[in-house]
Structure formats: C-alpha cells, structure tokens
PDB file of N, CA and C in Angstrom:
ATOM      1  N   MET A   1       0.847  -1.172   0.000  1.00  0.00           N
ATOM      2  CA  MET A   1       0.000   0.000   0.000  1.00  0.00           C
ATOM      3  C   MET A   1       0.890   1.232   0.000  1.00  0.00           C
ATOM      4  N   LYS A   2       0.451   2.277  -0.657  1.00  0.00           N
ATOM      5  CA  LYS A   2       1.201   3.522  -0.758  1.00  0.00           C
ATOM      6  C   LYS A   2       0.624   4.578   0.180  1.00  0.00           C
ATOM      7  N   VAL A   3       1.495   5.451   0.676  1.00  0.00           N
ATOM      8  CA  VAL A   3       1.120   6.537   1.572  1.00  0.00           C
ATOM      9  C   VAL A   3       1.734   7.817   1.025  1.00  0.00           C
ATOM     10  N   VAL A   4       0.964   8.898   1.012  1.00  0.00           N
ATOM     11  CA  VAL A   4       1.487  10.202   0.608  1.00  0.00           C
ATOM     12  C   VAL A   4       1.791  10.970   1.883  1.00  0.00           C
ATOM     13  N   ILE A   5       3.066  11.390   2.028  1.00  0.00           N
ATOM     14  CA  ILE A   5       3.485  12.105   3.230  1.00  0.00           C
ATOM     15  C   ILE A   5       4.134  13.424   2.850  1.00  0.00           C
ATOM     16  N   GLN A   6       4.136  14.350   3.799  1.00  0.00           N
ATOM     17  CA  GLN A   6       4.816  15.630   3.612  1.00  0.00           C
ATOM     18  C   GLN A   6       5.692  15.873   4.826  1.00  0.00           C
ATOM     19  N   LEU A   7       6.909  16.311   4.557  1.00  0.00           N
ATOM     20  CA  LEU A   7       7.903  16.535   5.600  1.00  0.00           C
ATOM     21  C   LEU A   7       8.267  18.004   5.691  1.00  0.00           C
ATOM     22  N   THR A   8       8.696  18.441   6.875  1.00  0.00           N
ATOM     23  CA  THR A   8       9.276  19.773   6.999  1.00  0.00           C
ATOM     24  C   THR A   8      10.696  19.702   6.448  1.00  0.00           C
ATOM     25  N   LYS A   9      11.313  20.832   6.255  1.00  0.00           N
ATOM     26  CA  LYS A   9      12.669  20.874   5.707  1.00  0.00           C
ATOM     27  C   LYS A   9      13.655  20.110   6.602  1.00  0.00           C
ATOM     28  N   ASP A  10      13.576  20.328   7.909  1.00  0.00           N
ATOM     29  CA  ASP A  10      14.486  19.656   8.841  1.00  0.00           C
ATOM     30  C   ASP A  10      14.238  18.153   8.890  1.00  0.00           C
ATOM     31  N   GLU A  11      12.974  17.753   8.917  1.00  0.00           N
ATOM     32  CA  GLU A  11      12.639  16.336   8.974  1.00  0.00           C
ATOM     33  C   GLU A  11      13.022  15.637   7.662  1.00  0.00           C
ATOM     34  N   GLU A  12      12.905  16.351   6.555  1.00  0.00           N
ATOM     35  CA  GLU A  12      13.280  15.762   5.266  1.00  0.00           C
ATOM     36  C   GLU A  12      14.763  15.388   5.251  1.00  0.00           C
ATOM     37  N   ALA A  13      15.595  16.234   5.806  1.00  0.00           N
ATOM     38  CA  ALA A  13      17.034  15.958   5.850  1.00  0.00           C
ATOM     39  C   ALA A  13      17.315  14.673   6.638  1.00  0.00           C
ATOM     40  N   LYS A  14      16.564  14.453   7.702  1.00  0.00           N
ATOM     41  CA  LYS A  14      16.740  13.230   8.496  1.00  0.00           C
ATOM     42  C   LYS A  14      16.129  12.014   7.804  1.00  0.00           C
ATOM     43  N   ALA A  15      15.069  12.235   7.034  1.00  0.00           N
ATOM     44  CA  ALA A  15      14.328  11.133   6.424  1.00  0.00           C
ATOM     45  C   ALA A  15      14.961  10.601   5.144  1.00  0.00           C
ATOM     46  N   LEU A  16      15.699  11.415   4.428  1.00  0.00           N
ATOM     47  CA  LEU A  16      16.205  10.997   3.119  1.00  0.00           C
ATOM     48  C   LEU A  16      16.994   9.687   3.139  1.00  0.00           C
ATOM     49  N   PRO A  17      17.910   9.474   4.077  1.00  0.00           N
ATOM     50  CA  PRO A  17      18.618   8.186   4.065  1.00  0.00           C
ATOM     51  C   PRO A  17      17.677   6.983   4.213  1.00  0.00           C
ATOM     52  N   ILE A  18      16.644   7.132   5.015  1.00  0.00           N
ATOM     53  CA  ILE A  18      15.678   6.046   5.204  1.00  0.00           C
ATOM     54  C   ILE A  18      14.856   5.858   3.933  1.00  0.00           C
ATOM     55  N   LEU A  19      14.406   6.955   3.349  1.00  0.00           N
ATOM     56  CA  LEU A  19      13.595   6.863   2.144  1.00  0.00           C
ATOM     57  C   LEU A  19      14.382   6.239   0.995  1.00  0.00           C
ATOM     58  N   LEU A  20      15.622   6.612   0.860  1.00  0.00           N
ATOM     59  CA  LEU A  20      16.445   6.056  -0.216  1.00  0.00           C
ATOM     60  C   LEU A  20      16.720   4.576  -0.014  1.00  0.00           C
ATOM     61  N   ARG A  21      16.775   4.145   1.216  1.00  0.00           N
ATOM     62  CA  ARG A  21      17.084   2.757   1.535  1.00  0.00           C
ATOM     63  C   ARG A  21      15.843   1.861   1.479  1.00  0.00           C
ATOM     64  N   HIS A  22      14.670   2.385   1.819  1.00  0.00           N
ATOM     65  CA  HIS A  22      13.499   1.534   2.024  1.00  0.00           C
ATOM     66  C   HIS A  22      12.394   1.649   0.993  1.00  0.00           C
ATOM     67  N   SER A  23      12.432   2.609   0.117  1.00  0.00           N
ATOM     68  CA  SER A  23      11.257   2.782  -0.716  1.00  0.00           C
ATOM     69  C   SER A  23      11.608   3.256  -2.117  1.00  0.00           C
ATOM     70  N   PRO A  24      11.022   2.621  -3.117  1.00  0.00           N
ATOM     71  CA  PRO A  24      11.153   3.135  -4.473  1.00  0.00           C
ATOM     72  C   PRO A  24      10.080   4.205  -4.695  1.00  0.00           C
ATOM     73  N   GLY A  25       9.939   5.105  -3.733  1.00  0.00           N
ATOM     74  CA  GLY A  25       8.865   6.092  -3.728  1.00  0.00           C
ATOM     75  C   GLY A  25       9.010   7.149  -4.799  1.00  0.00           C
ATOM     76  N   THR A  26       8.038   8.022  -4.833  1.00  0.00           N
ATOM     77  CA  THR A  26       7.989   9.128  -5.783  1.00  0.00           C
ATOM     78  C   THR A  26       8.133  10.428  -5.023  1.00  0.00           C
ATOM     79  N   VAL A  27       8.927  11.346  -5.570  1.00  0.00           N
ATOM     80  CA  VAL A  27       9.122  12.651  -4.959  1.00  0.00           C
ATOM     81  C   VAL A  27       8.255  13.655  -5.707  1.00  0.00           C
ATOM     82  N   LEU A  28       7.431  14.391  -4.960  1.00  0.00           N
ATOM     83  CA  LEU A  28       6.591  15.442  -5.521  1.00  0.00           C
ATOM     84  C   LEU A  28       7.086  16.790  -5.014  1.00  0.00           C
ATOM     85  N   GLN A  29       6.452  17.847  -5.408  1.00  0.00           N
ATOM     86  CA  GLN A  29       6.871  19.180  -4.955  1.00  0.00           C
ATOM     87  C   GLN A  29       6.517  19.405  -3.491  1.00  0.00           C
ATOM     88  N   ASN A  30       7.123  20.399  -2.894  1.00  0.00           N
ATOM     89  CA  ASN A  30       6.864  20.808  -1.510  1.00  0.00           C
ATOM     90  C   ASN A  30       7.158  19.707  -0.487  1.00  0.00           C
ATOM     91  N   ARG A  31       8.261  18.980  -0.698  1.00  0.00           N
ATOM     92  CA  ARG A  31       8.697  17.935   0.243  1.00  0.00           C
ATOM     93  C   ARG A  31       7.608  16.892   0.493  1.00  0.00           C
ATOM     94  N   THR A  32       6.918  16.530  -0.580  1.00  0.00           N
ATOM     95  CA  THR A  32       5.866  15.534  -0.530  1.00  0.00           C
ATOM     96  C   THR A  32       6.375  14.269  -1.211  1.00  0.00           C
ATOM     97  N   TYR A  33       6.122  13.119  -0.572  1.00  0.00           N
ATOM     98  CA  TYR A  33       6.623  11.838  -1.060  1.00  0.00           C
ATOM     99  C   TYR A  33       5.501  10.820  -1.082  1.00  0.00           C
ATOM    100  N   VAL A  34       5.541   9.929  -2.069  1.00  0.00           N
ATOM    101  CA  VAL A  34       4.659   8.769  -2.114  1.00  0.00           C
ATOM    102  C   VAL A  34       5.552   7.576  -1.792  1.00  0.00           C
ATOM    103  N   VAL A  35       5.313   6.942  -0.652  1.00  0.00           N
ATOM    104  CA  VAL A  35       6.167   5.858  -0.175  1.00  0.00           C
ATOM    105  C   VAL A  35       5.304   4.655   0.193  1.00  0.00           C
ATOM    106  N   ASN A  36       5.955   3.513   0.366  1.00  0.00           N
ATOM    107  CA  ASN A  36       5.189   2.348   0.810  1.00  0.00           C
ATOM    108  C   ASN A  36       4.998   2.425   2.332  1.00  0.00           C
ATOM    109  N   THR A  37       4.085   1.632   2.838  1.00  0.00           N
ATOM    110  CA  THR A  37       3.752   1.686   4.266  1.00  0.00           C
ATOM    111  C   THR A  37       4.930   1.276   5.145  1.00  0.00           C
ATOM    112  N   GLU A  38       5.781   0.397   4.625  1.00  0.00           N
ATOM    113  CA  GLU A  38       6.959  -0.011   5.397  1.00  0.00           C
ATOM    114  C   GLU A  38       7.911   1.166   5.612  1.00  0.00           C
ATOM    115  N   ALA A  39       8.095   1.977   4.594  1.00  0.00           N
ATOM    116  CA  ALA A  39       8.963   3.149   4.725  1.00  0.00           C
ATOM    117  C   ALA A  39       8.362   4.150   5.715  1.00  0.00           C
ATOM    118  N   ALA A  40       7.052   4.350   5.655  1.00  0.00           N
ATOM    119  CA  ALA A  40       6.397   5.257   6.597  1.00  0.00           C
ATOM    120  C   ALA A  40       6.558   4.749   8.028  1.00  0.00           C
ATOM    121  N   ALA A  41       6.434   3.436   8.213  1.00  0.00           N
ATOM    122  CA  ALA A  41       6.603   2.851   9.552  1.00  0.00           C
ATOM    123  C   ALA A  41       8.034   3.036  10.040  1.00  0.00           C
ATOM    124  N   GLU A  42       9.003   2.864   9.165  1.00  0.00           N
ATOM    125  CA  GLU A  42      10.410   3.052   9.528  1.00  0.00           C
ATOM    126  C   GLU A  42      10.677   4.509   9.920  1.00  0.00           C
ATOM    127  N   LEU A  43      10.070   5.452   9.211  1.00  0.00           N
ATOM    128  CA  LEU A  43      10.222   6.866   9.575  1.00  0.00           C
ATOM    129  C   LEU A  43       9.678   7.115  10.978  1.00  0.00           C
ATOM    130  N   ARG A  44       8.501   6.575  11.255  1.00  0.00           N
ATOM    131  CA  ARG A  44       7.900   6.749  12.590  1.00  0.00           C
ATOM    132  C   ARG A  44       8.793   6.154  13.666  1.00  0.00           C
ATOM    133  N   GLN A  45       9.295   4.943  13.431  1.00  0.00           N
ATOM    134  CA  GLN A  45      10.161   4.275  14.408  1.00  0.00           C
ATOM    135  C   GLN A  45      11.448   5.052  14.643  1.00  0.00           C
ATOM    136  N   SER A  46      11.885   5.796  13.639  1.00  0.00           N
ATOM    137  CA  SER A  46      13.112   6.588  13.753  1.00  0.00           C
ATOM    138  C   SER A  46      12.860   7.957  14.380  1.00  0.00           C
ATOM    139  N   GLY A  47      11.603   8.239  14.727  1.00  0.00           N
ATOM    140  CA  GLY A  47      11.266   9.507  15.367  1.00  0.00           C
ATOM    141  C   GLY A  47      11.121  10.670  14.403  1.00  0.00           C
ATOM    142  N   ILE A  48      10.995  10.377  13.132  1.00  0.00           N
ATOM    143  CA  ILE A  48      10.835  11.436  12.128  1.00  0.00           C
ATOM    144  C   ILE A  48       9.355  11.762  12.005  1.00  0.00           C
ATOM    145  N   GLU A  49       9.042  13.040  12.147  1.00  0.00           N
ATOM    146  CA  GLU A  49       7.651  13.485  12.098  1.00  0.00           C
ATOM    147  C   GLU A  49       7.284  13.888  10.683  1.00  0.00           C
ATOM    148  N   PHE A  50       6.084  13.503  10.269  1.00  0.00           N
ATOM    149  CA  PHE A  50       5.578  13.874   8.952  1.00  0.00           C
ATOM    150  C   PHE A  50       4.066  13.935   9.007  1.00  0.00           C
ATOM    151  N   THR A  51       3.493  14.583   8.018  1.00  0.00           N
ATOM    152  CA  THR A  51       2.046  14.655   7.890  1.00  0.00           C
ATOM    153  C   THR A  51       1.625  13.656   6.829  1.00  0.00           C
ATOM    154  N   GLU A  52       0.705  12.782   7.193  1.00  0.00           N
ATOM    155  CA  GLU A  52       0.177  11.827   6.224  1.00  0.00           C
ATOM    156  C   GLU A  52      -0.967  12.509   5.480  1.00  0.00           C
ATOM    157  N   LEU A  53      -0.812  12.671   4.178  1.00  0.00           N
ATOM    158  CA  LEU A  53      -1.814  13.367   3.385  1.00  0.00           C
ATOM    159  C   LEU A  53      -2.866  12.430   2.806  1.00  0.00           C
ATOM    160  N   SER A  54      -2.456  11.193   2.505  1.00  0.00           N
ATOM    161  CA  SER A  54      -3.385  10.262   1.869  1.00  0.00           C
ATOM    162  C   SER A  54      -2.852   8.845   1.971  1.00  0.00           C
ATOM    163  N   ARG A  55      -3.765   7.879   1.872  1.00  0.00           N
ATOM    164  CA  ARG A  55      -3.421   6.454   1.793  1.00  0.00           C
ATOM    165  C   ARG A  55      -4.092   5.874   0.564  1.00  0.00           C
ATOM    166  N   GLU A  56      -3.443   4.881   0.004  1.00  0.00           N
ATOM    167  CA  GLU A  56      -4.004   4.185  -1.140  1.00  0.00           C
ATOM    168  C   GLU A  56      -5.309   3.514  -0.709  1.00  0.00           C
ATOM    169  N   SER A  57      -6.296   3.606  -1.533  1.00  0.00           N
ATOM    170  CA  SER A  57      -7.596   3.020  -1.234  1.00  0.00           C
ATOM    171  C   SER A  57      -7.568   1.518  -1.424  1.00  0.00           C
ATOM    172  N   ASN A  58      -8.423   0.832  -0.720  1.00  0.00           N
ATOM    173  CA  ASN A  58      -8.572  -0.599  -0.898  1.00  0.00           C
ATOM    174  C   ASN A  58      -9.573  -0.933  -1.992  1.00  0.00           C
ATOM    175  N   ALA A  59     -10.112   0.085  -2.649  1.00  0.00           N
ATOM    176  CA  ALA A  59     -11.069  -0.151  -3.724  1.00  0.00           C
ATOM    177  C   ALA A  59     -10.352  -0.821  -4.894  1.00  0.00           C
ATOM    178  N   PRO A  60     -11.059  -1.671  -5.629  1.00  0.00           N
ATOM    179  CA  PRO A  60     -10.411  -2.338  -6.761  1.00  0.00           C
ATOM    180  C   PRO A  60     -10.082  -1.344  -7.859  1.00  0.00           C
ATOM    181  N   SER A  61      -8.976  -1.574  -8.542  1.00  0.00           N
ATOM    182  CA  SER A  61      -8.628  -0.736  -9.680  1.00  0.00           C
ATOM    183  C   SER A  61      -9.517  -1.131 -10.850  1.00  0.00           C
ATOM    184  N   LEU A  62      -9.473  -0.376 -11.930  1.00  0.00           N
ATOM    185  CA  LEU A  62     -10.297  -0.707 -13.088  1.00  0.00           C
ATOM    186  C   LEU A  62      -9.912  -2.061 -13.668  1.00  0.00           C
ATOM    187  N   GLU A  63      -8.625  -2.405 -13.585  1.00  0.00           N
ATOM    188  CA  GLU A  63      -8.174  -3.689 -14.099  1.00  0.00           C
ATOM    189  C   GLU A  63      -8.712  -4.843 -13.252  1.00  0.00           C
ATOM    190  N   GLU A  64      -8.914  -4.631 -11.967  1.00  0.00           N
ATOM    191  CA  GLU A  64      -9.372  -5.670 -11.064  1.00  0.00           C
ATOM    192  C   GLU A  64     -10.891  -5.859 -11.112  1.00  0.00           C
ATOM    193  N   ALA A  65     -11.609  -4.834 -11.521  1.00  0.00           N
ATOM    194  CA  ALA A  65     -13.073  -4.898 -11.540  1.00  0.00           C
ATOM    195  C   ALA A  65     -13.535  -5.711 -12.743  1.00  0.00           C
ATOM    196  N   GLY A  66     -14.552  -6.507 -12.528  1.00  0.00           N
ATOM    197  CA  GLY A  66     -15.100  -7.300 -13.615  1.00  0.00           C
ATOM    198  C   GLY A  66     -15.935  -6.443 -14.559  1.00  0.00           C
ATOM    199  N   SER A  67     -16.184  -6.959 -15.738  1.00  0.00           N
ATOM    200  CA  SER A  67     -16.988  -6.245 -16.720  1.00  0.00           C
ATOM    201  C   SER A  67     -18.384  -5.995 -16.167  1.00  0.00           C
ATOM    202  N   GLY A  68     -18.827  -4.766 -16.213  1.00  0.00           N
ATOM    203  CA  GLY A  68     -20.147  -4.404 -15.722  1.00  0.00           C
ATOM    204  C   GLY A  68     -20.226  -4.235 -14.220  1.00  0.00           C
ATOM    205  N   GLU A  69     -19.113  -4.469 -13.509  1.00  0.00           N
ATOM    206  CA  GLU A  69     -19.103  -4.365 -12.056  1.00  0.00           C
ATOM    207  C   GLU A  69     -18.931  -2.902 -11.653  1.00  0.00           C
ATOM    208  N   ARG A  70     -19.675  -2.475 -10.646  1.00  0.00           N
ATOM    209  CA  ARG A  70     -19.549  -1.107 -10.156  1.00  0.00           C
ATOM    210  C   ARG A  70     -18.265  -0.975  -9.345  1.00  0.00           C
ATOM    211  N   VAL A  71     -17.595   0.148  -9.526  1.00  0.00           N
ATOM    212  CA  VAL A  71     -16.339   0.414  -8.809  1.00  0.00           C
ATOM    213  C   VAL A  71     -16.591   1.477  -7.775  1.00  0.00           C
TER     214      VAL A  71
END
C-alpha cells in the first residue's frame, strides 16, 4: 500500500537516508513523497515526524473490476 506524506525541511534531511534505503517512492513538490507503508513505519520508528496526506484506497482498480461491475 502507498502513503502520501509531507515533511518539513528539517525532517526531510533526516528522512532521506531512510527513504532512499526503504522505498522506491515518488518525490513530488513541496517535500511531498509517495512511499510504501513499510517506509512510513520506519520513519515513525526513527522519530521522524511527517504529515500523512493520503493512503491508497482498498477499492479495486479498473483492471481488477469485472466487466459491468460497479467500482
């Protein structure tokens, strides 16, 4: 599952080594990252504070939904 997080400038400096080691995440503008849940958990365990902006939904993707099935 993916998590969208936002870091402060100071927290980002502490988080980068963990993010580079644990997640093939995506970097967005304004110190916003899309990371896997394991990377987010590792950040928390390391005492790095961040704001969780969003979590991946458990709803089926269009590829997973059957023909005629409501999504």
